Amino acid sequence: WKRDITTWHSHLWPLKSGPTQLARRLVTAGGRVYATLGLKAPLSVLDGATGETIRELKDSQATEEILVDRGTVFALVNDGPAALDAFNPQLNVGDQARVGREFGWNRLPRRIVAWDAVSGRKRWQITGRVAPLSLAVGPKRLYYHDGDQIVAVSRDDGQVAWKAAGPVRKKFTVNFGPRVVLYRDVVLFAGGDRTMRAIDSASGKLLWKIWLRLLLPRP
């Protein structure tokens, strides 16, 4: 089967210049496919065998990122203007330098929304700054970076469990995002400042921090 995508990101966008969030719009779990069938489309739930639409999730218009875990669908939804809306190509050989200067995370509020994966019922939503590519989910909590700190919220109701100091980053270019990775009971964070932090997932306590060096081959 195949499904048409009505509108998508401009094919004139410079090569290897992102946007990296597009890779987080397609998830499969439990025989279903979760995807946005347009650049600002709602989150659709498709039958994995037939491609038929099971439902569109309520209040999911302009979903930017999708996570599915343990019977819950989580999405990052942008109700405001997207950074890419204003793009018009200026050079026919690519605008890589311009993209780095003019396009990136706008730090405007987004919604994190949770739905029941079986019924499609919306469980909760919260609003705030969420850095691109920083959503991660575990058995008890959802984690993300808000540009100033790392935040953990309950996956059951969205209530804040803890906030931990993280590198403040006012700008993320459109081809980059901070990384939050959950491994067992440790949250690992790399935010582009050449450091990596390990944080206790239950308490938010900093366990360790290291500086990352660029390794170059020996001459």
C-alpha atoms as a PDB file:
ATOM      1  CA  TRP A   1       0.000   0.000   0.000  1.00  0.00           C
ATOM      2  CA  LYS A   2       1.012   3.650  -0.219  1.00  0.00           C
ATOM      3  CA  ARG A   3      -0.395   6.922   1.009  1.00  0.00           C
ATOM      4  CA  ASP A   4      -0.022  10.351  -0.537  1.00  0.00           C
ATOM      5  CA  ILE A   5       1.535  13.214   1.413  1.00  0.00           C
ATOM      6  CA  THR A   6      -0.230  16.426   0.491  1.00  0.00           C
ATOM      7  CA  THR A   7       2.487  18.966   1.261  1.00  0.00           C
ATOM      8  CA  TRP A   8       6.021  18.529   2.504  1.00  0.00           C
ATOM      9  CA  HIS A   9       9.184  20.473   3.061  1.00  0.00           C
ATOM     10  CA  SER A  10      10.584  22.471   0.130  1.00  0.00           C
ATOM     11  CA  HIS A  11      12.721  20.402  -2.258  1.00  0.00           C
ATOM     12  CA  LEU A  12      14.812  23.544  -2.798  1.00  0.00           C
ATOM     13  CA  TRP A  13      16.105  23.474   0.774  1.00  0.00           C
ATOM     14  CA  PRO A  14      19.918  23.201   0.770  1.00  0.00           C
ATOM     15  CA  LEU A  15      21.440  19.730   0.807  1.00  0.00           C
ATOM     16  CA  LYS A  16      22.439  18.345   4.233  1.00  0.00           C
ATOM     17  CA  SER A  17      20.949  21.353   6.013  1.00  0.00           C
ATOM     18  CA  GLY A  18      18.149  19.596   7.896  1.00  0.00           C
ATOM     19  CA  PRO A  19      15.537  20.004   9.126  1.00  0.00           C
ATOM     20  CA  THR A  20      16.343  17.115  11.441  1.00  0.00           C
ATOM     21  CA  GLN A  21      12.882  16.984  13.030  1.00  0.00           C
ATOM     22  CA  LEU A  22      11.360  15.522   9.872  1.00  0.00           C
ATOM     23  CA  ALA A  23      12.930  12.194  10.860  1.00  0.00           C
ATOM     24  CA  ARG A  24      10.731  12.090  13.974  1.00  0.00           C
ATOM     25  CA  ARG A  25       7.422  12.085  12.125  1.00  0.00           C
ATOM     26  CA  LEU A  26       7.179   8.375  11.350  1.00  0.00           C
ATOM     27  CA  VAL A  27       6.822   5.655  14.013  1.00  0.00           C
ATOM     28  CA  THR A  28       5.559   2.096  13.904  1.00  0.00           C
ATOM     29  CA  ALA A  29       4.363   0.125  16.940  1.00  0.00           C
ATOM     30  CA  GLY A  30       1.891  -2.676  17.594  1.00  0.00           C
ATOM     31  CA  GLY A  31       0.927  -3.152  13.955  1.00  0.00           C
ATOM     32  CA  ARG A  32       0.157   0.513  13.468  1.00  0.00           C
ATOM     33  CA  VAL A  33       1.931   3.364  11.729  1.00  0.00           C
ATOM     34  CA  TYR A  34       1.936   6.865  13.226  1.00  0.00           C
ATOM     35  CA  ALA A  35       2.743   9.666  10.793  1.00  0.00           C
ATOM     36  CA  THR A  36       1.850  13.125   9.590  1.00  0.00           C
ATOM     37  CA  LEU A  37       0.528  13.032   6.020  1.00  0.00           C
ATOM     38  CA  GLY A  38       1.476  16.646   5.390  1.00  0.00           C
ATOM     39  CA  LEU A  39       3.936  19.209   6.674  1.00  0.00           C
ATOM     40  CA  LYS A  40       1.372  20.708   9.067  1.00  0.00           C
ATOM     41  CA  ALA A  41      -1.045  17.802   9.117  1.00  0.00           C
ATOM     42  CA  PRO A  42      -2.439  16.156  12.236  1.00  0.00           C
ATOM     43  CA  LEU A  43      -1.056  12.888  13.528  1.00  0.00           C
ATOM     44  CA  SER A  44      -2.659   9.978  11.677  1.00  0.00           C
ATOM     45  CA  VAL A  45      -2.862   6.404  12.943  1.00  0.00           C
ATOM     46  CA  LEU A  46      -2.707   3.937  10.062  1.00  0.00           C
ATOM     47  CA  ASP A  47      -3.263   0.208   9.871  1.00  0.00           C
ATOM     48  CA  GLY A  48       0.176  -1.264   9.259  1.00  0.00           C
ATOM     49  CA  ALA A  49      -1.157  -4.026   7.001  1.00  0.00           C
ATOM     50  CA  THR A  50      -3.505  -2.003   4.786  1.00  0.00           C
ATOM     51  CA  GLY A  51      -2.437   1.633   5.174  1.00  0.00           C
ATOM     52  CA  GLU A  52      -6.014   2.630   5.937  1.00  0.00           C
ATOM     53  CA  THR A  53      -6.563   5.475   8.396  1.00  0.00           C
ATOM     54  CA  ILE A  54      -7.759   4.241  11.773  1.00  0.00           C
ATOM     55  CA  ARG A  55      -8.070   7.759  13.186  1.00  0.00           C
ATOM     56  CA  GLU A  56      -6.546  11.218  13.385  1.00  0.00           C
ATOM     57  CA  LEU A  57      -5.600  12.087  16.940  1.00  0.00           C
ATOM     58  CA  LYS A  58      -7.435  15.035  18.453  1.00  0.00           C
ATOM     59  CA  ASP A  59      -5.515  18.311  18.866  1.00  0.00           C
ATOM     60  CA  SER A  60      -2.502  17.010  16.922  1.00  0.00           C
ATOM     61  CA  GLN A  61      -2.446  19.521  14.056  1.00  0.00           C
ATOM     62  CA  ALA A  62       1.127  20.453  13.062  1.00  0.00           C
ATOM     63  CA  THR A  63       2.799  17.619  14.950  1.00  0.00           C
ATOM     64  CA  GLU A  64       6.599  17.954  14.764  1.00  0.00           C
ATOM     65  CA  GLU A  65       7.771  14.858  16.660  1.00  0.00           C
ATOM     66  CA  ILE A  66       6.229  11.498  17.604  1.00  0.00           C
ATOM     67  CA  LEU A  67       7.056   8.930  20.283  1.00  0.00           C
ATOM     68  CA  VAL A  68       5.088   5.732  20.999  1.00  0.00           C
ATOM     69  CA  ASP A  69       5.788   3.708  24.126  1.00  0.00           C
ATOM     70  CA  ARG A  70       3.905   1.242  26.340  1.00  0.00           C
ATOM     71  CA  GLY A  71       0.475   2.019  24.982  1.00  0.00           C
ATOM     72  CA  THR A  72       0.845   5.811  24.896  1.00  0.00           C
ATOM     73  CA  VAL A  73       1.421   8.140  21.958  1.00  0.00           C
ATOM     74  CA  PHE A  74       3.377  11.314  22.712  1.00  0.00           C
ATOM     75  CA  ALA A  75       3.712  14.192  20.261  1.00  0.00           C
ATOM     76  CA  LEU A  76       5.313  17.609  20.131  1.00  0.00           C
ATOM     77  CA  VAL A  77       2.774  19.957  18.538  1.00  0.00           C
ATOM     78  CA  ASN A  78       3.498  23.435  17.185  1.00  0.00           C
ATOM     79  CA  ASP A  79       0.502  25.790  17.282  1.00  0.00           C
ATOM     80  CA  GLY A  80       2.541  28.770  16.106  1.00  0.00           C
ATOM     81  CA  PRO A  81       4.522  29.641  12.996  1.00  0.00           C
ATOM     82  CA  ALA A  82       7.179  27.209  11.895  1.00  0.00           C
ATOM     83  CA  ALA A  83      10.708  28.429  11.318  1.00  0.00           C
ATOM     84  CA  LEU A  84      10.587  27.082   7.771  1.00  0.00           C
ATOM     85  CA  ASP A  85       7.486  29.007   6.713  1.00  0.00           C
ATOM     86  CA  ALA A  86       9.502  32.017   5.592  1.00  0.00           C
ATOM     87  CA  PHE A  87      11.979  30.121   3.418  1.00  0.00           C
ATOM     88  CA  ASN A  88      12.387  31.235  -0.166  1.00  0.00           C
ATOM     89  CA  PRO A  89      15.533  30.141  -2.019  1.00  0.00           C
ATOM     90  CA  GLN A  90      17.907  32.910  -2.992  1.00  0.00           C
ATOM     91  CA  LEU A  91      20.772  30.979  -4.566  1.00  0.00           C
ATOM     92  CA  ASN A  92      20.382  28.106  -6.976  1.00  0.00           C
ATOM     93  CA  VAL A  93      23.549  26.489  -5.623  1.00  0.00           C
ATOM     94  CA  GLY A  94      22.228  26.217  -2.072  1.00  0.00           C
ATOM     95  CA  ASP A  95      21.840  28.486   0.912  1.00  0.00           C
ATOM     96  CA  GLN A  96      23.689  26.531   3.607  1.00  0.00           C
ATOM     97  CA  ALA A  97      25.266  29.580   5.266  1.00  0.00           C
ATOM     98  CA  ARG A  98      21.993  31.505   5.137  1.00  0.00           C
ATOM     99  CA  VAL A  99      20.088  28.601   6.671  1.00  0.00           C
ATOM    100  CA  GLY A 100      22.511  28.565   9.588  1.00  0.00           C
ATOM    101  CA  ARG A 101      22.043  32.286  10.166  1.00  0.00           C
ATOM    102  CA  GLU A 102      18.315  32.706   9.607  1.00  0.00           C
ATOM    103  CA  PHE A 103      16.575  29.441  10.390  1.00  0.00           C
ATOM    104  CA  GLY A 104      16.476  27.536  13.624  1.00  0.00           C
ATOM    105  CA  TRP A 105      14.533  26.892  16.785  1.00  0.00           C
ATOM    106  CA  ASN A 106      12.359  29.911  17.559  1.00  0.00           C
ATOM    107  CA  ARG A 107      11.997  29.100  21.309  1.00  0.00           C
ATOM    108  CA  LEU A 108       8.236  29.636  21.122  1.00  0.00           C
ATOM    109  CA  PRO A 109       5.947  27.437  23.232  1.00  0.00           C
ATOM    110  CA  ARG A 110       4.850  24.053  21.977  1.00  0.00           C
ATOM    111  CA  ARG A 111       2.497  21.451  23.364  1.00  0.00           C
ATOM    112  CA  ILE A 112       3.426  17.966  24.493  1.00  0.00           C
ATOM    113  CA  VAL A 113       0.311  15.832  24.119  1.00  0.00           C
ATOM    114  CA  ALA A 114      -0.300  12.236  25.258  1.00  0.00           C
ATOM    115  CA  TRP A 115      -3.008   9.910  23.867  1.00  0.00           C
ATOM    116  CA  ASP A 116      -4.043   6.351  24.603  1.00  0.00           C
ATOM    117  CA  ALA A 117      -2.624   4.304  21.714  1.00  0.00           C
ATOM    118  CA  VAL A 118      -5.639   1.959  21.569  1.00  0.00           C
ATOM    119  CA  SER A 119      -8.615   4.294  21.975  1.00  0.00           C
ATOM    120  CA  GLY A 120      -7.077   7.563  20.785  1.00  0.00           C
ATOM    121  CA  ARG A 121      -8.365   9.328  23.892  1.00  0.00           C
ATOM    122  CA  LYS A 122      -6.301  12.335  24.891  1.00  0.00           C
ATOM    123  CA  ARG A 123      -4.822  11.812  28.335  1.00  0.00           C
ATOM    124  CA  TRP A 124      -3.084  15.117  29.001  1.00  0.00           C
ATOM    125  CA  GLN A 125      -1.178  18.002  27.498  1.00  0.00           C
ATOM    126  CA  ILE A 126       1.287  20.602  28.745  1.00  0.00           C
ATOM    127  CA  THR A 127       2.614  23.771  27.119  1.00  0.00           C
ATOM    128  CA  GLY A 128       6.128  25.179  27.259  1.00  0.00           C
ATOM    129  CA  ARG A 129       9.443  25.487  25.468  1.00  0.00           C
ATOM    130  CA  VAL A 130      10.742  22.188  24.147  1.00  0.00           C
ATOM    131  CA  ALA A 131      14.030  22.034  22.255  1.00  0.00           C
ATOM    132  CA  PRO A 132      13.908  20.054  19.010  1.00  0.00           C
ATOM    133  CA  LEU A 133      14.938  16.370  19.120  1.00  0.00           C
ATOM    134  CA  SER A 134      15.144  16.375  22.923  1.00  0.00           C
ATOM    135  CA  LEU A 135      12.052  14.287  23.757  1.00  0.00           C
ATOM    136  CA  ALA A 136      12.784  10.909  25.368  1.00  0.00           C
ATOM    137  CA  VAL A 137      10.450   8.573  27.237  1.00  0.00           C
ATOM    138  CA  GLY A 138      10.935   5.927  29.899  1.00  0.00           C
ATOM    139  CA  PRO A 139       8.769   3.672  32.073  1.00  0.00           C
ATOM    140  CA  LYS A 140       7.807   6.481  34.477  1.00  0.00           C
ATOM    141  CA  ARG A 141       8.679   9.844  32.930  1.00  0.00           C
ATOM    142  CA  LEU A 142       9.066  11.887  29.791  1.00  0.00           C
ATOM    143  CA  TYR A 143      12.249  13.966  29.495  1.00  0.00           C
ATOM    144  CA  TYR A 144      13.171  16.998  27.393  1.00  0.00           C
ATOM    145  CA  HIS A 145      15.335  20.126  27.313  1.00  0.00           C
ATOM    146  CA  ASP A 146      13.668  23.544  27.319  1.00  0.00           C
ATOM    147  CA  GLY A 147      16.698  25.578  26.242  1.00  0.00           C
ATOM    148  CA  ASP A 148      17.696  26.308  29.834  1.00  0.00           C
ATOM    149  CA  GLN A 149      17.360  23.056  31.741  1.00  0.00           C
ATOM    150  CA  ILE A 150      16.418  19.402  31.518  1.00  0.00           C
ATOM    151  CA  VAL A 151      12.847  18.658  32.576  1.00  0.00           C
ATOM    152  CA  ALA A 152      11.234  15.398  33.686  1.00  0.00           C
ATOM    153  CA  VAL A 153       7.446  15.034  33.739  1.00  0.00           C
ATOM    154  CA  SER A 154       5.235  12.133  34.722  1.00  0.00           C
ATOM    155  CA  ARG A 155       4.158  10.093  31.730  1.00  0.00           C
ATOM    156  CA  ASP A 156       0.808   9.499  33.471  1.00  0.00           C
ATOM    157  CA  ASP A 157      -0.350  13.109  33.863  1.00  0.00           C
ATOM    158  CA  GLY A 158       2.394  15.483  32.633  1.00  0.00           C
ATOM    159  CA  GLN A 159       3.176  16.860  36.073  1.00  0.00           C
ATOM    160  CA  VAL A 160       6.746  18.083  36.549  1.00  0.00           C
ATOM    161  CA  ALA A 161       8.829  15.624  38.586  1.00  0.00           C
ATOM    162  CA  TRP A 162      12.108  17.558  38.545  1.00  0.00           C
ATOM    163  CA  LYS A 163      14.207  20.086  36.681  1.00  0.00           C
ATOM    164  CA  ALA A 164      17.970  19.831  36.378  1.00  0.00           C
ATOM    165  CA  ALA A 165      20.537  22.406  35.370  1.00  0.00           C
ATOM    166  CA  GLY A 166      21.646  22.089  31.778  1.00  0.00           C
ATOM    167  CA  PRO A 167      23.661  24.229  29.394  1.00  0.00           C
ATOM    168  CA  VAL A 168      21.657  27.272  28.360  1.00  0.00           C
ATOM    169  CA  ARG A 169      21.388  27.373  24.590  1.00  0.00           C
ATOM    170  CA  LYS A 170      19.569  30.299  23.011  1.00  0.00           C
ATOM    171  CA  LYS A 171      19.880  29.029  19.454  1.00  0.00           C
ATOM    172  CA  PHE A 172      19.756  25.663  17.741  1.00  0.00           C
ATOM    173  CA  THR A 173      20.254  25.680  13.998  1.00  0.00           C
ATOM    174  CA  VAL A 174      17.651  23.814  11.965  1.00  0.00           C
ATOM    175  CA  ASN A 175      20.029  20.931  11.206  1.00  0.00           C
ATOM    176  CA  PHE A 176      20.891  20.286  14.867  1.00  0.00           C
ATOM    177  CA  GLY A 177      19.151  19.419  18.095  1.00  0.00           C
ATOM    178  CA  PRO A 178      20.238  18.464  21.608  1.00  0.00           C
ATOM    179  CA  ARG A 179      20.183  14.773  22.478  1.00  0.00           C
ATOM    180  CA  VAL A 180      18.457  13.276  25.487  1.00  0.00           C
ATOM    181  CA  VAL A 181      18.934   9.506  25.843  1.00  0.00           C
ATOM    182  CA  LEU A 182      17.530   7.326  28.611  1.00  0.00           C
ATOM    183  CA  TYR A 183      19.559   4.243  29.551  1.00  0.00           C
ATOM    184  CA  ARG A 184      18.117   2.246  32.447  1.00  0.00           C
ATOM    185  CA  ASP A 185      18.003   4.747  35.344  1.00  0.00           C
ATOM    186  CA  VAL A 186      20.304   7.352  33.794  1.00  0.00           C
ATOM    187  CA  VAL A 187      19.452  10.303  31.529  1.00  0.00           C
ATOM    188  CA  LEU A 188      22.308  11.240  29.197  1.00  0.00           C
ATOM    189  CA  PHE A 189      22.337  14.722  27.721  1.00  0.00           C
ATOM    190  CA  ALA A 190      24.508  16.289  25.018  1.00  0.00           C
ATOM    191  CA  GLY A 191      23.481  19.797  24.095  1.00  0.00           C
ATOM    192  CA  GLY A 192      26.089  20.962  21.620  1.00  0.00           C
ATOM    193  CA  ASP A 193      28.417  22.683  24.088  1.00  0.00           C
ATOM    194  CA  ARG A 194      30.983  19.844  23.922  1.00  0.00           C
ATOM    195  CA  THR A 195      29.864  18.372  27.236  1.00  0.00           C
ATOM    196  CA  MET A 196      27.878  15.303  28.191  1.00  0.00           C
ATOM    197  CA  ARG A 197      25.928  15.004  31.421  1.00  0.00           C
ATOM    198  CA  ALA A 198      24.584  11.943  33.217  1.00  0.00           C
ATOM    199  CA  ILE A 199      21.570  12.558  35.450  1.00  0.00           C
ATOM    200  CA  ASP A 200      19.716  10.258  37.799  1.00  0.00           C
ATOM    201  CA  SER A 201      16.346   9.668  36.141  1.00  0.00           C
ATOM    202  CA  ALA A 202      14.437   9.498  39.431  1.00  0.00           C
ATOM    203  CA  SER A 203      15.810  12.553  41.251  1.00  0.00           C
ATOM    204  CA  GLY A 204      17.410  14.786  38.611  1.00  0.00           C
ATOM    205  CA  LYS A 205      20.731  14.679  40.489  1.00  0.00           C
ATOM    206  CA  LEU A 206      23.838  15.230  38.378  1.00  0.00           C
ATOM    207  CA  LEU A 207      25.909  12.041  38.429  1.00  0.00           C
ATOM    208  CA  TRP A 208      28.809  13.176  36.266  1.00  0.00           C
ATOM    209  CA  LYS A 209      29.849  15.549  33.518  1.00  0.00           C
ATOM    210  CA  ILE A 210      32.602  15.192  30.934  1.00  0.00           C
ATOM    211  CA  TRP A 211      34.052  17.421  28.254  1.00  0.00           C
ATOM    212  CA  LEU A 212      33.965  16.022  24.728  1.00  0.00           C
ATOM    213  CA  ARG A 213      36.983  16.551  22.518  1.00  0.00           C
ATOM    214  CA  LEU A 214      37.007  16.389  18.742  1.00  0.00           C
ATOM    215  CA  LEU A 215      39.133  13.377  17.820  1.00  0.00           C
ATOM    216  CA  LEU A 216      41.196  13.781  14.679  1.00  0.00           C
ATOM    217  CA  PRO A 217      43.175  11.059  12.913  1.00  0.00           C
ATOM    218  CA  ARG A 218      46.899  11.027  13.486  1.00  0.00           C
ATOM    219  CA  PRO A 219      48.992  12.393  10.602  1.00  0.00           C
END
